[in-house]
């Protein structure tokens, strides 16, 4: 009785390639960075006015910045373990960390 080695698909890669997650975290990090910066610009330009439109826009941009921050940190921490796209993941993580400081500063400035 001959024993054959198990069939291995020649087109299947070993392990999971998480380059897509790393690139996504990088792009979302850039978008979230500018979104949180936009919140500061709204406060600086229209902070003295008591307009409902600017308050809604500020709340919306802060909410989008926080949601993107959660996504950036999640995707970066998942994809940083692989070698493919590690630079993108680290850059997304750094942008997310800077954005944490922006959001915390935004919370303290508004209150």
Foldseek 3Di string as FASTA:
>chain_A
DDDDDDDDDPPDDPDDQLQVLLQVLLVLLVVLLVLLVVLVVLCVPCVVPPDPVSVVSNVVSLVSSVVSLVSSVVSLVVNCVDPRNVVSSVNSVVSSVVSVVSSVVSVVVVD
